[in-house]
Amino acid sequence: MPEADSTADSPAGSTADSPADSTADSPAGSAADSTAADAPAPQRLCDIPALTGGPVTAPGVVWKLAESGRQLDANVVRLPAGRRIDTHTERDLDVLLLVVAGDGVLGSGTADEPQPLTEGTLFWLPHGSTRSVTAGAGGLSYVTVHRRRPGMQVRSGPPPAPGA
């Protein structure tokens, strides 16, 4: 008679000696327990419809991610009708832009080619790309998300001119 498979009652790919089964032998208060207890928990951060409902009266950031220890930056930005974020280039960071209310135009590239911004559209703005944002007739609200911006850095400039 063949021997019984000791993994038959275990989840696929595990054995009785796998780390998943070793917690029964761990003393209470072990490093594994404290790591789980110290792990950050998901959080509800804001209510987008509450932030973006109603007329847009002033341009600017109405919410930003400020939790300590984060690896991302995020903002909810509102622009009144016709207001514009001028053409600029983000050298260092890729940015996701999600339109949450209103409409407008994303200008992109050096010629500022227009692309429609409508509620629910998601754009990837790769680092090094040139862009502008202009709000439509009803204003525009959008979320941006990117890797957390590094602290201030001193960058080397061009070498001094001869004789300077």
Protein backbone atom coordinates (compact mmCIF):
# COMPACT_ATOMS: atom_id res chain seq x y z
CA MET A 1 0.00 0.00 0.00
CA PRO A 2 1.49 3.45 -0.91
CA GLU A 3 2.30 5.96 1.83
CA ALA A 4 -0.18 8.77 2.42
CA ASP A 5 0.84 12.17 1.04
CA SER A 6 1.56 14.42 4.04
CA THR A 7 0.60 17.53 2.02
CA ALA A 8 -2.83 16.24 0.95
CA ASP A 9 -4.66 18.34 3.54
CA SER A 10 -2.34 21.37 3.17
CA PRO A 11 -2.94 24.30 0.83
CA ALA A 12 -1.42 23.85 -2.61
CA GLY A 13 2.34 24.10 -2.56
CA SER A 14 2.71 24.05 1.23
CA THR A 15 4.01 21.43 3.57
CA ALA A 16 3.54 20.79 7.25
CA ASP A 17 6.91 22.51 7.83
CA SER A 18 6.04 25.68 5.84
CA PRO A 19 6.27 29.11 7.50
CA ALA A 20 2.48 29.46 7.29
CA ASP A 21 2.13 26.53 9.71
CA SER A 22 4.96 27.61 12.02
CA THR A 23 2.89 30.26 13.83
CA ALA A 24 1.36 27.58 16.04
CA ASP A 25 4.83 26.97 17.47
CA SER A 26 5.66 30.70 17.89
CA PRO A 27 5.56 32.16 21.39
CA ALA A 28 3.02 34.93 22.00
CA GLY A 29 4.52 38.35 21.49
CA SER A 30 7.06 37.16 18.91
CA ALA A 31 8.51 39.45 16.24
CA ALA A 32 5.94 38.13 13.75
CA ASP A 33 3.10 39.18 16.08
CA SER A 34 4.52 42.66 16.70
CA THR A 35 5.08 43.25 12.98
CA ALA A 36 1.43 42.49 12.25
CA ALA A 37 0.28 44.72 15.12
CA ASP A 38 2.48 47.61 13.93
CA ALA A 39 1.47 47.33 10.27
CA PRO A 40 -0.33 50.40 8.95
CA ALA A 41 -4.03 49.98 8.28
CA PRO A 42 -5.93 51.24 5.23
CA GLN A 43 -7.59 54.60 5.85
CA ARG A 44 -10.44 56.53 4.31
CA LEU A 45 -8.84 59.84 3.42
CA CYS A 46 -11.48 62.13 1.98
CA ASP A 47 -14.91 62.35 0.35
CA ILE A 48 -14.33 63.46 -3.25
CA PRO A 49 -17.97 64.41 -4.01
CA ALA A 50 -18.11 66.52 -0.83
CA LEU A 51 -14.86 68.27 -1.78
CA THR A 52 -15.80 68.87 -5.40
CA GLY A 53 -19.56 69.47 -5.23
CA GLY A 54 -20.84 72.96 -5.86
CA PRO A 55 -19.38 75.80 -7.84
CA VAL A 56 -15.63 76.32 -8.00
CA THR A 57 -14.93 79.78 -6.62
CA ALA A 58 -11.17 79.81 -6.13
CA PRO A 59 -8.35 77.83 -7.71
CA GLY A 60 -6.15 75.59 -5.65
CA VAL A 61 -5.58 72.43 -3.69
CA VAL A 62 -8.59 71.50 -1.53
CA TRP A 63 -7.04 68.32 -0.07
CA LYS A 64 -3.57 66.79 0.07
CA LEU A 65 -2.16 63.55 1.39
CA ALA A 66 -0.23 64.44 4.53
CA GLU A 67 0.06 61.17 6.45
CA SER A 68 3.50 60.53 7.91
CA GLY A 69 5.53 57.67 6.46
CA ARG A 70 3.80 57.86 3.08
CA GLN A 71 5.58 57.04 -0.17
CA LEU A 72 3.12 58.99 -2.34
CA ASP A 73 1.90 62.55 -2.70
CA ALA A 74 -1.68 63.18 -3.78
CA ASN A 75 -3.81 66.30 -4.21
CA VAL A 76 -7.36 67.25 -5.09
CA VAL A 77 -7.18 70.40 -7.22
CA ARG A 78 -10.08 72.66 -8.27
CA LEU A 79 -9.99 75.27 -11.02
CA PRO A 80 -12.80 77.76 -11.73
CA ALA A 81 -14.11 78.11 -15.30
CA GLY A 82 -11.42 79.21 -17.73
CA ARG A 83 -8.57 79.16 -15.18
CA ARG A 84 -5.33 77.57 -16.29
CA ILE A 85 -2.26 75.84 -14.90
CA ASP A 86 0.38 77.25 -17.22
CA THR A 87 2.55 75.08 -19.43
CA HIS A 88 5.31 73.42 -17.43
CA THR A 89 7.54 70.34 -17.45
CA GLU A 90 7.82 67.98 -14.50
CA ARG A 91 11.41 66.80 -14.75
CA ASP A 92 11.50 64.18 -12.03
CA LEU A 93 8.12 62.56 -11.42
CA ASP A 94 5.49 60.62 -13.33
CA VAL A 95 2.02 61.88 -12.40
CA LEU A 96 -1.43 60.30 -12.64
CA LEU A 97 -4.25 62.80 -13.20
CA LEU A 98 -7.85 61.65 -12.64
CA VAL A 99 -10.70 64.02 -13.49
CA VAL A 100 -13.36 63.78 -10.76
CA ALA A 101 -15.70 66.65 -11.71
CA GLY A 102 -16.19 69.15 -14.51
CA ASP A 103 -14.24 69.26 -17.71
CA GLY A 104 -11.36 71.02 -19.38
CA VAL A 105 -8.38 70.59 -21.65
CA LEU A 106 -4.97 69.04 -21.09
CA GLY A 107 -2.38 70.72 -23.24
CA SER A 108 0.53 68.41 -23.91
CA GLY A 109 3.81 68.48 -25.72
CA THR A 110 5.78 71.51 -26.79
CA ALA A 111 2.95 72.60 -29.10
CA ASP A 112 0.44 72.26 -26.21
CA GLU A 113 -1.78 69.92 -28.28
CA PRO A 114 -5.21 69.83 -26.56
CA GLN A 115 -6.72 66.63 -25.16
CA PRO A 116 -10.17 66.69 -23.57
CA LEU A 117 -10.42 66.27 -19.81
CA THR A 118 -13.79 64.79 -18.85
CA GLU A 119 -15.07 63.25 -15.64
CA GLY A 120 -13.63 59.79 -15.15
CA THR A 121 -10.67 60.15 -17.53
CA LEU A 122 -7.28 59.11 -16.22
CA PHE A 123 -4.06 60.44 -17.71
CA TRP A 124 -0.47 59.38 -17.20
CA LEU A 125 1.86 62.37 -17.37
CA PRO A 126 5.34 60.86 -17.70
CA HIS A 127 8.32 62.66 -16.17
CA GLY A 128 9.90 64.99 -18.67
CA SER A 129 6.58 65.68 -20.41
CA THR A 130 5.26 69.20 -20.95
CA ARG A 131 1.66 69.93 -19.96
CA SER A 132 -0.92 72.56 -19.07
CA VAL A 133 -4.45 72.26 -17.66
CA THR A 134 -7.35 74.57 -18.49
CA ALA A 135 -10.78 74.34 -16.84
CA GLY A 136 -13.94 74.24 -18.96
CA ALA A 137 -17.10 76.34 -18.56
CA GLY A 138 -18.20 74.57 -15.36
CA GLY A 139 -14.77 74.40 -13.73
CA LEU A 140 -12.57 71.37 -13.24
CA SER A 141 -11.64 69.16 -10.28
CA TYR A 142 -8.97 66.47 -10.48
CA VAL A 143 -6.78 64.23 -8.36
CA THR A 144 -3.05 63.96 -8.93
CA VAL A 145 -0.91 61.15 -7.54
CA HIS A 146 2.84 60.73 -7.79
CA ARG A 147 5.78 59.33 -5.91
CA ARG A 148 6.60 61.47 -2.92
CA ARG A 149 8.67 64.43 -3.97
CA PRO A 150 12.20 64.24 -2.63
CA GLY A 151 13.37 66.94 -0.25
CA MET A 152 15.18 70.00 -1.48
CA GLN A 153 18.30 69.11 -3.41
CA VAL A 154 21.26 71.25 -4.35
CA ARG A 155 21.97 70.60 -7.99
CA SER A 156 25.24 71.47 -9.62
CA GLY A 157 25.04 74.23 -12.16
CA PRO A 158 27.13 74.76 -15.24
CA PRO A 159 30.87 75.16 -14.71
CA PRO A 160 31.99 78.76 -14.16
CA ALA A 161 32.97 80.69 -17.26
CA PRO A 162 36.70 80.99 -17.89
CA GLY A 163 38.12 84.00 -16.08
CA ALA A 164 35.08 84.31 -13.81
